[in-house]
Structure formats: C-alpha cells, structure tokens
Amino acid sequence: MSDSRPLIIHIVYSFDVGGLENGIVNLINRMPVERFRHMIVALAYCSPSFCQRIQRSDVEFVSINKGAGHGFRLYPKIYRMLRQLKPAVVHTRNLAALEMVVPAWLAGVPLRLHGEHGWDNSDPDGRNRKYRLLRKLYSPFVSRYIALSRTIESYLVERVGIEAGRIRRICNGVNADRFVPASTRREISGSPFNDPDLVVFGTVGRQQAVKDQPTLVRAFGMFVRTNEEAAKRARLILVGNGPLADSLTELVKSEGLDGLVWMAGERSDVPEIMRGLDV
C-alpha cells in the first residue's frame, strides 16, 4: 500500500553531531508522524550513533560518500533518486549542499527549500566573493530560502542579491522546558570536577575550526598559570567531538592542563551538563 504522506528529503553535507544537524533532529521528532515522511541524505556520511537521536522508525538515512570538491558527478544519481521517490520538498542546508537544488529542479521537485544556518570557518563573515557568486548562481533553482538570523537574511539580500520576498527568517530557539538553569551547580555524570569547591567552566559544541575551542584552552592555560587561586579551583570541560578532537587533546597536554581539563566527548545529556557548569 502506497504512503500518501508528503515526503521531505533533507540534504546535508554530513549527518553527525552539530547544531545544524541537531536542528533537523528536533524538527523531525516534533513534526506530526501522521502528516509527513522524512529522509536524510548526507553527501558525505550519516553517523549511526547520531541517527539514533531520531525518535521515529520510518526515517531512512542515505550516505552518498562524496569526495572533496563540487558534486557535479552526483547529479545523475541524485536526479534518479528524486525521480523515483517523488518528494514534495527537498530541503538543502548551507553552501556544501546547495548545489543539490539543481538535480532537485531537474527532477521536478515542487518545493526546493535552502537553509542558511551560519558561517563556515573559511568565510567567517561572508566576504568570500566566490561563495557569494556560487549562492547567486544556484539561486534560480531555489524556491524559498530560510535564514536563521537577521544577519544572514541581510547577507542574502544585500551581498548575494536574493529578493527579500523569497526569504523567510526563522531564528534558532532554545527549549526552555529542557534547558532550565539550576540554582546551584549540579553534579555531572562521569565528571571528575563535581567537587562543590571548584569553579567549572565549560563549552558544548562540535570541535571544528569555526568554534575555535583551541583559543579557549590557551586562554584557560594562561588563567591558571597566572592566578594561584585559579590553579587550585578552576576547571574546564570540553563537550563534543569533531575534527579537532585529537589536536585539542594534544593541546591540553602541551599546555600542562592534564587534570584541569576534561574532554567529555559526545554527550546526549547536554541540559544536565549545562546545569553542572558555573560558567
């Protein structure tokens, strides 16, 4: 029996731990199951452990295993897939997946959404002329844009040249029921820094260049080396994983911060961790 629910295909570069990807998780988990179907297509890969955050059994995950560079060679494969599946919506996100609006247009997908979620480390303020030109080049194949901030909306209109009427600003939010501050710092499961006399600093995020956790580690190192009280009581927790994980571990050692910094790795209890931080 055919499924009459409209199919939404989310195309991303990778489906792994990250803010953009977690936004997709929240979106799918909160949309009515009886009204929509979903598929996630990752041009690079889907992380099996991250996929488990989707609380639905009817979501399919596809890893294309794309190499570096433009994905022109993928157009026939994506085109055939979209022609076969006939999605109602294809939703690409960020520049790395934007070009997939072309095979979506060729396949006759009626609504092609593109979301701009933030800046890449190689273009932290949107000044890269090549990236602006690419966004302009692919704009005829996009039905509507979703900007996650006023800054990105202004960038698309003023610097890329997208008509304002084609853009909808939908800002990121925080679930105020889950992320509730604690009156006093709570214990974090597995943390070596649960002593109430300590002052615990922390950050949660994908460990990649644009997040710049190395600067935080170096600043923390300077802090504890120049302040005797800080050396006794200050501690730092880095939550997350990503391409910089190994180099961050080495940096902690080279800064002489063993025992003062905890690399907590990927965690699924972020609200609880937040309640276990002083700063």
C-alpha atoms as a PDB file:
ATOM      1  CA  MET A   1       0.000   0.000   0.000  1.00  0.00           C
ATOM      2  CA  SER A   2       1.445   3.375  -1.001  1.00  0.00           C
ATOM      3  CA  ASP A   3       2.085   6.016   1.648  1.00  0.00           C
ATOM      4  CA  SER A   4       0.163   9.204   0.883  1.00  0.00           C
ATOM      5  CA  ARG A   5       2.090  11.354   3.351  1.00  0.00           C
ATOM      6  CA  PRO A   6       4.259  14.010   1.630  1.00  0.00           C
ATOM      7  CA  LEU A   7       7.955  13.096   1.659  1.00  0.00           C
ATOM      8  CA  ILE A   8      10.508  15.686   2.802  1.00  0.00           C
ATOM      9  CA  ILE A   9      14.118  14.924   1.865  1.00  0.00           C
ATOM     10  CA  HIS A  10      16.744  16.768   3.904  1.00  0.00           C
ATOM     11  CA  ILE A  11      20.066  17.032   2.060  1.00  0.00           C
ATOM     12  CA  VAL A  12      23.127  17.924   4.144  1.00  0.00           C
ATOM     13  CA  TYR A  13      26.860  17.527   3.751  1.00  0.00           C
ATOM     14  CA  SER A  14      27.092  15.163   6.720  1.00  0.00           C
ATOM     15  CA  PHE A  15      24.695  13.995   9.407  1.00  0.00           C
ATOM     16  CA  ASP A  16      26.771  13.962  12.558  1.00  0.00           C
ATOM     17  CA  VAL A  17      26.972  15.846  15.842  1.00  0.00           C
ATOM     18  CA  GLY A  18      26.406  19.543  15.232  1.00  0.00           C
ATOM     19  CA  GLY A  19      23.952  22.372  15.715  1.00  0.00           C
ATOM     20  CA  LEU A  20      22.573  22.288  12.168  1.00  0.00           C
ATOM     21  CA  GLU A  21      22.098  18.541  12.330  1.00  0.00           C
ATOM     22  CA  ASN A  22      20.535  18.682  15.782  1.00  0.00           C
ATOM     23  CA  GLY A  23      18.050  21.184  14.406  1.00  0.00           C
ATOM     24  CA  ILE A  24      16.978  18.588  11.851  1.00  0.00           C
ATOM     25  CA  VAL A  25      16.602  16.021  14.642  1.00  0.00           C
ATOM     26  CA  ASN A  26      14.348  18.357  16.617  1.00  0.00           C
ATOM     27  CA  LEU A  27      12.326  19.226  13.533  1.00  0.00           C
ATOM     28  CA  ILE A  28      11.663  15.616  12.556  1.00  0.00           C
ATOM     29  CA  ASN A  29      10.946  14.479  16.104  1.00  0.00           C
ATOM     30  CA  ARG A  30       8.359  17.237  16.552  1.00  0.00           C
ATOM     31  CA  MET A  31       6.550  17.126  13.208  1.00  0.00           C
ATOM     32  CA  PRO A  32       3.322  15.073  13.149  1.00  0.00           C
ATOM     33  CA  VAL A  33       4.121  11.468  12.200  1.00  0.00           C
ATOM     34  CA  GLU A  34       0.747  11.036  10.539  1.00  0.00           C
ATOM     35  CA  ARG A  35       1.277  14.007   8.216  1.00  0.00           C
ATOM     36  CA  PHE A  36       4.856  13.839   6.916  1.00  0.00           C
ATOM     37  CA  ARG A  37       7.550  11.367   5.928  1.00  0.00           C
ATOM     38  CA  HIS A  38      11.265  12.197   6.100  1.00  0.00           C
ATOM     39  CA  MET A  39      14.514  11.022   4.556  1.00  0.00           C
ATOM     40  CA  ILE A  40      18.004  12.295   5.324  1.00  0.00           C
ATOM     41  CA  VAL A  41      20.565  12.277   2.527  1.00  0.00           C
ATOM     42  CA  ALA A  42      24.150  13.048   3.579  1.00  0.00           C
ATOM     43  CA  LEU A  43      26.550  13.810   0.749  1.00  0.00           C
ATOM     44  CA  ALA A  44      29.409  12.532   2.910  1.00  0.00           C
ATOM     45  CA  TYR A  45      28.108  10.197   5.629  1.00  0.00           C
ATOM     46  CA  CYS A  46      25.483   9.602   8.299  1.00  0.00           C
ATOM     47  CA  SER A  47      26.813   8.844  11.771  1.00  0.00           C
ATOM     48  CA  PRO A  48      24.952   5.744  13.062  1.00  0.00           C
ATOM     49  CA  SER A  49      25.104   6.929  16.674  1.00  0.00           C
ATOM     50  CA  PHE A  50      23.772  10.376  15.777  1.00  0.00           C
ATOM     51  CA  CYS A  51      20.992   8.878  13.651  1.00  0.00           C
ATOM     52  CA  GLN A  52      19.688   7.214  16.810  1.00  0.00           C
ATOM     53  CA  ARG A  53      18.577  10.639  18.042  1.00  0.00           C
ATOM     54  CA  ILE A  54      15.715  10.451  15.546  1.00  0.00           C
ATOM     55  CA  GLN A  55      12.820   9.019  17.537  1.00  0.00           C
ATOM     56  CA  ARG A  56      10.986   7.600  14.536  1.00  0.00           C
ATOM     57  CA  SER A  57      11.401   4.247  12.839  1.00  0.00           C
ATOM     58  CA  ASP A  58      10.151   5.404   9.421  1.00  0.00           C
ATOM     59  CA  VAL A  59      13.067   7.750   8.618  1.00  0.00           C
ATOM     60  CA  GLU A  60      15.580   6.481   6.068  1.00  0.00           C
ATOM     61  CA  PHE A  61      19.239   7.572   6.112  1.00  0.00           C
ATOM     62  CA  VAL A  62      21.342   7.628   2.942  1.00  0.00           C
ATOM     63  CA  SER A  63      25.118   8.193   2.837  1.00  0.00           C
ATOM     64  CA  ILE A  64      26.445   9.193  -0.600  1.00  0.00           C
ATOM     65  CA  ASN A  65      30.148   9.097   0.445  1.00  0.00           C
ATOM     66  CA  LYS A  66      31.008  12.101  -1.699  1.00  0.00           C
ATOM     67  CA  GLY A  67      34.657  13.119  -2.013  1.00  0.00           C
ATOM     68  CA  ALA A  68      36.041  16.636  -1.817  1.00  0.00           C
ATOM     69  CA  GLY A  69      35.051  19.307  -4.323  1.00  0.00           C
ATOM     70  CA  HIS A  70      31.899  20.056  -6.270  1.00  0.00           C
ATOM     71  CA  GLY A  71      29.337  17.303  -6.666  1.00  0.00           C
ATOM     72  CA  PHE A  72      28.508  17.611 -10.369  1.00  0.00           C
ATOM     73  CA  ARG A  73      29.171  13.906 -10.845  1.00  0.00           C
ATOM     74  CA  LEU A  74      26.477  13.164  -8.270  1.00  0.00           C
ATOM     75  CA  TYR A  75      23.761  14.968 -10.219  1.00  0.00           C
ATOM     76  CA  PRO A  76      22.623  11.892 -12.208  1.00  0.00           C
ATOM     77  CA  LYS A  77      22.481   9.739  -9.060  1.00  0.00           C
ATOM     78  CA  ILE A  78      20.571  12.356  -7.041  1.00  0.00           C
ATOM     79  CA  TYR A  79      18.302  13.044 -10.023  1.00  0.00           C
ATOM     80  CA  ARG A  80      17.380   9.367 -10.407  1.00  0.00           C
ATOM     81  CA  MET A  81      16.765   9.012  -6.676  1.00  0.00           C
ATOM     82  CA  LEU A  82      14.479  12.048  -6.584  1.00  0.00           C
ATOM     83  CA  ARG A  83      12.593  10.977  -9.710  1.00  0.00           C
ATOM     84  CA  GLN A  84      11.941   7.606  -8.109  1.00  0.00           C
ATOM     85  CA  LEU A  85      10.951   8.891  -4.661  1.00  0.00           C
ATOM     86  CA  LYS A  86       8.984  11.951  -5.854  1.00  0.00           C
ATOM     87  CA  PRO A  87       9.411  14.074  -2.711  1.00  0.00           C
ATOM     88  CA  ALA A  88       7.131  17.035  -2.075  1.00  0.00           C
ATOM     89  CA  VAL A  89      10.014  19.013  -0.585  1.00  0.00           C
ATOM     90  CA  VAL A  90      13.802  18.928  -0.851  1.00  0.00           C
ATOM     91  CA  HIS A  91      15.471  20.946   1.895  1.00  0.00           C
ATOM     92  CA  THR A  92      19.190  21.625   1.438  1.00  0.00           C
ATOM     93  CA  ARG A  93      21.272  23.302   4.104  1.00  0.00           C
ATOM     94  CA  ASN A  94      24.334  25.532   3.872  1.00  0.00           C
ATOM     95  CA  LEU A  95      26.643  26.039   0.922  1.00  0.00           C
ATOM     96  CA  ALA A  96      28.068  22.499   0.984  1.00  0.00           C
ATOM     97  CA  ALA A  97      24.688  21.050  -0.042  1.00  0.00           C
ATOM     98  CA  LEU A  98      23.265  23.978  -2.026  1.00  0.00           C
ATOM     99  CA  GLU A  99      24.221  22.605  -5.440  1.00  0.00           C
ATOM    100  CA  MET A 100      21.832  19.683  -4.961  1.00  0.00           C
ATOM    101  CA  VAL A 101      18.950  22.051  -5.746  1.00  0.00           C
ATOM    102  CA  VAL A 102      19.922  21.603  -9.407  1.00  0.00           C
ATOM    103  CA  PRO A 103      19.082  17.865  -9.678  1.00  0.00           C
ATOM    104  CA  ALA A 104      16.045  18.554  -7.461  1.00  0.00           C
ATOM    105  CA  TRP A 105      14.841  21.133 -10.002  1.00  0.00           C
ATOM    106  CA  LEU A 106      15.574  18.799 -12.907  1.00  0.00           C
ATOM    107  CA  ALA A 107      13.633  16.030 -11.150  1.00  0.00           C
ATOM    108  CA  GLY A 108      10.595  18.288 -10.854  1.00  0.00           C
ATOM    109  CA  VAL A 109      10.533  18.592  -7.051  1.00  0.00           C
ATOM    110  CA  PRO A 110       7.809  21.206  -6.498  1.00  0.00           C
ATOM    111  CA  LEU A 111       9.325  22.918  -3.422  1.00  0.00           C
ATOM    112  CA  ARG A 112      13.076  23.346  -3.031  1.00  0.00           C
ATOM    113  CA  LEU A 113      13.995  24.986   0.267  1.00  0.00           C
ATOM    114  CA  HIS A 114      17.505  26.081   1.165  1.00  0.00           C
ATOM    115  CA  GLY A 115      18.517  26.913   4.717  1.00  0.00           C
ATOM    116  CA  GLU A 116      21.474  29.112   5.646  1.00  0.00           C
ATOM    117  CA  HIS A 117      22.452  28.271   9.202  1.00  0.00           C
ATOM    118  CA  GLY A 118      25.724  30.094   9.813  1.00  0.00           C
ATOM    119  CA  TRP A 119      29.223  30.869   8.655  1.00  0.00           C
ATOM    120  CA  ASP A 120      31.981  28.487   7.689  1.00  0.00           C
ATOM    121  CA  ASN A 121      35.475  28.868   9.134  1.00  0.00           C
ATOM    122  CA  SER A 122      36.815  29.617   5.645  1.00  0.00           C
ATOM    123  CA  ASP A 123      34.342  32.511   5.344  1.00  0.00           C
ATOM    124  CA  PRO A 124      33.554  33.674   8.893  1.00  0.00           C
ATOM    125  CA  ASP A 125      31.961  36.971   7.900  1.00  0.00           C
ATOM    126  CA  GLY A 126      30.532  36.209   4.454  1.00  0.00           C
ATOM    127  CA  ARG A 127      33.089  38.222   2.479  1.00  0.00           C
ATOM    128  CA  ASN A 128      34.286  35.404   0.213  1.00  0.00           C
ATOM    129  CA  ARG A 129      33.428  36.542  -3.321  1.00  0.00           C
ATOM    130  CA  LYS A 130      33.461  33.004  -4.741  1.00  0.00           C
ATOM    131  CA  TYR A 131      30.921  31.816  -2.180  1.00  0.00           C
ATOM    132  CA  ARG A 132      28.655  34.795  -2.887  1.00  0.00           C
ATOM    133  CA  LEU A 133      28.802  34.048  -6.608  1.00  0.00           C
ATOM    134  CA  LEU A 134      28.008  30.369  -6.043  1.00  0.00           C
ATOM    135  CA  ARG A 135      24.978  31.261  -3.950  1.00  0.00           C
ATOM    136  CA  LYS A 136      23.817  33.643  -6.679  1.00  0.00           C
ATOM    137  CA  LEU A 137      24.487  31.039  -9.392  1.00  0.00           C
ATOM    138  CA  TYR A 138      22.249  28.434  -7.742  1.00  0.00           C
ATOM    139  CA  SER A 139      19.526  30.895  -6.679  1.00  0.00           C
ATOM    140  CA  PRO A 140      17.219  30.306  -9.688  1.00  0.00           C
ATOM    141  CA  PHE A 141      16.833  26.670  -8.615  1.00  0.00           C
ATOM    142  CA  VAL A 142      15.759  27.562  -5.049  1.00  0.00           C
ATOM    143  CA  SER A 143      12.067  28.120  -4.331  1.00  0.00           C
ATOM    144  CA  ARG A 144      12.480  29.690  -0.897  1.00  0.00           C
ATOM    145  CA  TYR A 145      15.322  30.475   1.489  1.00  0.00           C
ATOM    146  CA  ILE A 146      15.326  30.053   5.257  1.00  0.00           C
ATOM    147  CA  ALA A 147      17.703  32.327   7.177  1.00  0.00           C
ATOM    148  CA  LEU A 148      18.400  31.545  10.811  1.00  0.00           C
ATOM    149  CA  SER A 149      19.273  35.106  11.786  1.00  0.00           C
ATOM    150  CA  ARG A 150      18.729  38.705  10.728  1.00  0.00           C
ATOM    151  CA  THR A 151      22.438  38.913   9.842  1.00  0.00           C
ATOM    152  CA  ILE A 152      22.197  36.001   7.406  1.00  0.00           C
ATOM    153  CA  GLU A 153      18.971  37.366   5.954  1.00  0.00           C
ATOM    154  CA  SER A 154      20.673  40.723   5.315  1.00  0.00           C
ATOM    155  CA  TYR A 155      23.670  38.953   3.791  1.00  0.00           C
ATOM    156  CA  LEU A 156      21.481  37.063   1.323  1.00  0.00           C
ATOM    157  CA  VAL A 157      19.634  40.222   0.282  1.00  0.00           C
ATOM    158  CA  GLU A 158      22.407  42.815   0.290  1.00  0.00           C
ATOM    159  CA  ARG A 159      25.517  40.834  -0.632  1.00  0.00           C
ATOM    160  CA  VAL A 160      24.209  37.857  -2.623  1.00  0.00           C
ATOM    161  CA  GLY A 161      21.297  39.641  -4.292  1.00  0.00           C
ATOM    162  CA  ILE A 162      18.401  37.362  -3.339  1.00  0.00           C
ATOM    163  CA  GLU A 163      14.977  39.001  -3.439  1.00  0.00           C
ATOM    164  CA  ALA A 164      13.733  39.668   0.089  1.00  0.00           C
ATOM    165  CA  GLY A 165      10.359  38.118  -0.717  1.00  0.00           C
ATOM    166  CA  ARG A 166      11.985  34.718  -1.292  1.00  0.00           C
ATOM    167  CA  ILE A 167      13.486  34.620   2.213  1.00  0.00           C
ATOM    168  CA  ARG A 168      11.873  33.633   5.491  1.00  0.00           C
ATOM    169  CA  ARG A 169      13.742  34.303   8.720  1.00  0.00           C
ATOM    170  CA  ILE A 170      13.226  31.521  11.279  1.00  0.00           C
ATOM    171  CA  CYS A 171      15.591  32.082  14.179  1.00  0.00           C
ATOM    172  CA  ASN A 172      17.005  29.272  16.271  1.00  0.00           C
ATOM    173  CA  GLY A 173      15.464  28.903  19.683  1.00  0.00           C
ATOM    174  CA  VAL A 174      16.113  27.091  22.942  1.00  0.00           C
ATOM    175  CA  ASN A 175      13.724  24.614  24.539  1.00  0.00           C
ATOM    176  CA  ALA A 176      13.022  26.442  27.806  1.00  0.00           C
ATOM    177  CA  ASP A 177      11.474  23.305  29.307  1.00  0.00           C
ATOM    178  CA  ARG A 178      14.708  21.296  28.888  1.00  0.00           C
ATOM    179  CA  PHE A 179      17.345  23.994  29.389  1.00  0.00           C
ATOM    180  CA  VAL A 180      16.433  25.270  32.835  1.00  0.00           C
ATOM    181  CA  PRO A 181      19.157  26.913  34.963  1.00  0.00           C
ATOM    182  CA  ALA A 182      19.959  25.361  38.319  1.00  0.00           C
ATOM    183  CA  SER A 183      20.072  27.476  41.464  1.00  0.00           C
ATOM    184  CA  THR A 184      23.319  25.719  42.430  1.00  0.00           C
ATOM    185  CA  ARG A 185      25.710  23.720  40.289  1.00  0.00           C
ATOM    186  CA  ARG A 186      24.641  20.089  39.841  1.00  0.00           C
ATOM    187  CA  GLU A 187      26.848  17.039  39.527  1.00  0.00           C
ATOM    188  CA  ILE A 188      27.647  15.823  36.010  1.00  0.00           C
ATOM    189  CA  SER A 189      27.640  12.087  35.438  1.00  0.00           C
ATOM    190  CA  GLY A 190      31.211  10.874  34.934  1.00  0.00           C
ATOM    191  CA  SER A 191      32.787  14.255  35.601  1.00  0.00           C
ATOM    192  CA  PRO A 192      35.987  14.428  37.677  1.00  0.00           C
ATOM    193  CA  PHE A 193      35.052  18.004  38.655  1.00  0.00           C
ATOM    194  CA  ASN A 194      31.966  17.564  40.832  1.00  0.00           C
ATOM    195  CA  ASP A 195      33.640  18.925  43.981  1.00  0.00           C
ATOM    196  CA  PRO A 196      31.426  21.890  45.053  1.00  0.00           C
ATOM    197  CA  ASP A 197      34.532  23.941  45.914  1.00  0.00           C
ATOM    198  CA  LEU A 198      35.624  24.007  42.278  1.00  0.00           C
ATOM    199  CA  VAL A 199      34.656  26.651  39.712  1.00  0.00           C
ATOM    200  CA  VAL A 200      33.781  24.814  36.498  1.00  0.00           C
ATOM    201  CA  PHE A 201      33.974  26.438  33.078  1.00  0.00           C
ATOM    202  CA  GLY A 202      32.647  24.619  30.049  1.00  0.00           C
ATOM    203  CA  THR A 203      31.664  24.684  26.409  1.00  0.00           C
ATOM    204  CA  VAL A 204      29.427  22.418  24.333  1.00  0.00           C
ATOM    205  CA  GLY A 205      29.848  22.241  20.571  1.00  0.00           C
ATOM    206  CA  ARG A 206      31.259  20.454  17.578  1.00  0.00           C
ATOM    207  CA  GLN A 207      35.036  20.558  17.765  1.00  0.00           C
ATOM    208  CA  GLN A 208      35.865  22.249  14.486  1.00  0.00           C
ATOM    209  CA  ALA A 209      37.817  25.327  13.471  1.00  0.00           C
ATOM    210  CA  VAL A 210      34.863  27.722  13.307  1.00  0.00           C
ATOM    211  CA  LYS A 211      34.097  27.045  17.003  1.00  0.00           C
ATOM    212  CA  ASP A 212      37.740  27.761  17.973  1.00  0.00           C
ATOM    213  CA  GLN A 213      37.975  25.717  21.165  1.00  0.00           C
ATOM    214  CA  PRO A 214      41.816  25.906  20.995  1.00  0.00           C
ATOM    215  CA  THR A 215      41.703  29.600  21.887  1.00  0.00           C
ATOM    216  CA  LEU A 216      39.587  28.764  24.932  1.00  0.00           C
ATOM    217  CA  VAL A 217      42.087  26.106  26.028  1.00  0.00           C
ATOM    218  CA  ARG A 218      45.031  28.506  25.624  1.00  0.00           C
ATOM    219  CA  ALA A 219      43.183  31.262  27.499  1.00  0.00           C
ATOM    220  CA  PHE A 220      42.348  28.837  30.301  1.00  0.00           C
ATOM    221  CA  GLY A 221      46.015  27.813  30.434  1.00  0.00           C
ATOM    222  CA  MET A 222      47.088  31.444  30.822  1.00  0.00           C
ATOM    223  CA  PHE A 223      44.442  31.924  33.513  1.00  0.00           C
ATOM    224  CA  VAL A 224      45.580  29.064  35.737  1.00  0.00           C
ATOM    225  CA  ARG A 225      49.292  29.822  35.221  1.00  0.00           C
ATOM    226  CA  THR A 226      48.927  33.449  36.288  1.00  0.00           C
ATOM    227  CA  ASN A 227      46.403  33.077  39.097  1.00  0.00           C
ATOM    228  CA  GLU A 228      47.201  30.901  42.080  1.00  0.00           C
ATOM    229  CA  GLU A 229      43.566  30.616  43.201  1.00  0.00           C
ATOM    230  CA  ALA A 230      42.508  29.628  39.683  1.00  0.00           C
ATOM    231  CA  ALA A 231      45.129  26.899  39.588  1.00  0.00           C
ATOM    232  CA  LYS A 232      43.569  25.425  42.718  1.00  0.00           C
ATOM    233  CA  ARG A 233      39.888  25.759  41.880  1.00  0.00           C
ATOM    234  CA  ALA A 234      39.280  26.418  38.172  1.00  0.00           C
ATOM    235  CA  ARG A 235      38.447  23.523  35.856  1.00  0.00           C
ATOM    236  CA  LEU A 236      37.393  23.307  32.205  1.00  0.00           C
ATOM    237  CA  ILE A 237      35.070  20.836  30.466  1.00  0.00           C
ATOM    238  CA  LEU A 238      35.008  20.462  26.670  1.00  0.00           C
ATOM    239  CA  VAL A 239      31.891  18.636  25.479  1.00  0.00           C
ATOM    240  CA  GLY A 240      31.609  17.454  21.897  1.00  0.00           C
ATOM    241  CA  ASN A 241      33.509  15.705  19.155  1.00  0.00           C
ATOM    242  CA  GLY A 242      34.769  16.578  15.711  1.00  0.00           C
ATOM    243  CA  PRO A 243      37.839  17.017  13.522  1.00  0.00           C
ATOM    244  CA  LEU A 244      39.765  18.924  16.219  1.00  0.00           C
ATOM    245  CA  ALA A 245      39.264  16.346  18.974  1.00  0.00           C
ATOM    246  CA  ASP A 246      42.738  14.785  18.737  1.00  0.00           C
ATOM    247  CA  SER A 247      44.571  18.103  18.373  1.00  0.00           C
ATOM    248  CA  LEU A 248      42.639  19.525  21.339  1.00  0.00           C
ATOM    249  CA  THR A 249      43.728  16.570  23.452  1.00  0.00           C
ATOM    250  CA  GLU A 250      47.348  17.236  22.455  1.00  0.00           C
ATOM    251  CA  LEU A 251      46.930  20.944  23.168  1.00  0.00           C
ATOM    252  CA  VAL A 252      45.647  20.217  26.673  1.00  0.00           C
ATOM    253  CA  LYS A 253      48.800  18.176  27.305  1.00  0.00           C
ATOM    254  CA  SER A 254      51.175  20.725  25.795  1.00  0.00           C
ATOM    255  CA  GLU A 255      49.583  23.482  27.889  1.00  0.00           C
ATOM    256  CA  GLY A 256      50.199  21.414  31.020  1.00  0.00           C
ATOM    257  CA  LEU A 257      46.488  21.160  31.770  1.00  0.00           C
ATOM    258  CA  ASP A 258      46.184  17.439  32.451  1.00  0.00           C
ATOM    259  CA  GLY A 259      43.872  17.059  35.433  1.00  0.00           C
ATOM    260  CA  LEU A 260      42.421  20.547  34.922  1.00  0.00           C
ATOM    261  CA  VAL A 261      40.579  19.931  31.624  1.00  0.00           C
ATOM    262  CA  TRP A 262      38.113  17.120  30.956  1.00  0.00           C
ATOM    263  CA  MET A 263      37.467  16.095  27.362  1.00  0.00           C
ATOM    264  CA  ALA A 264      33.936  14.787  27.854  1.00  0.00           C
ATOM    265  CA  GLY A 265      33.343  13.724  24.237  1.00  0.00           C
ATOM    266  CA  GLU A 266      29.935  13.426  22.638  1.00  0.00           C
ATOM    267  CA  ARG A 267      27.090  13.540  25.168  1.00  0.00           C
ATOM    268  CA  SER A 268      23.329  13.184  24.914  1.00  0.00           C
ATOM    269  CA  ASP A 269      22.633  14.854  28.300  1.00  0.00           C
ATOM    270  CA  VAL A 270      23.525  18.439  27.363  1.00  0.00           C
ATOM    271  CA  PRO A 271      20.856  20.125  29.564  1.00  0.00           C
ATOM    272  CA  GLU A 272      22.191  18.247  32.594  1.00  0.00           C
ATOM    273  CA  ILE A 273      25.750  19.203  31.697  1.00  0.00           C
ATOM    274  CA  MET A 274      24.776  22.866  31.423  1.00  0.00           C
ATOM    275  CA  ARG A 275      23.396  22.703  34.951  1.00  0.00           C
ATOM    276  CA  GLY A 276      26.770  21.331  36.072  1.00  0.00           C
ATOM    277  CA  LEU A 277      28.751  24.369  34.881  1.00  0.00           C
ATOM    278  CA  ASP A 278      29.414  27.614  36.717  1.00  0.00           C
ATOM    279  CA  VAL A 279      30.407  29.449  33.521  1.00  0.00           C
END
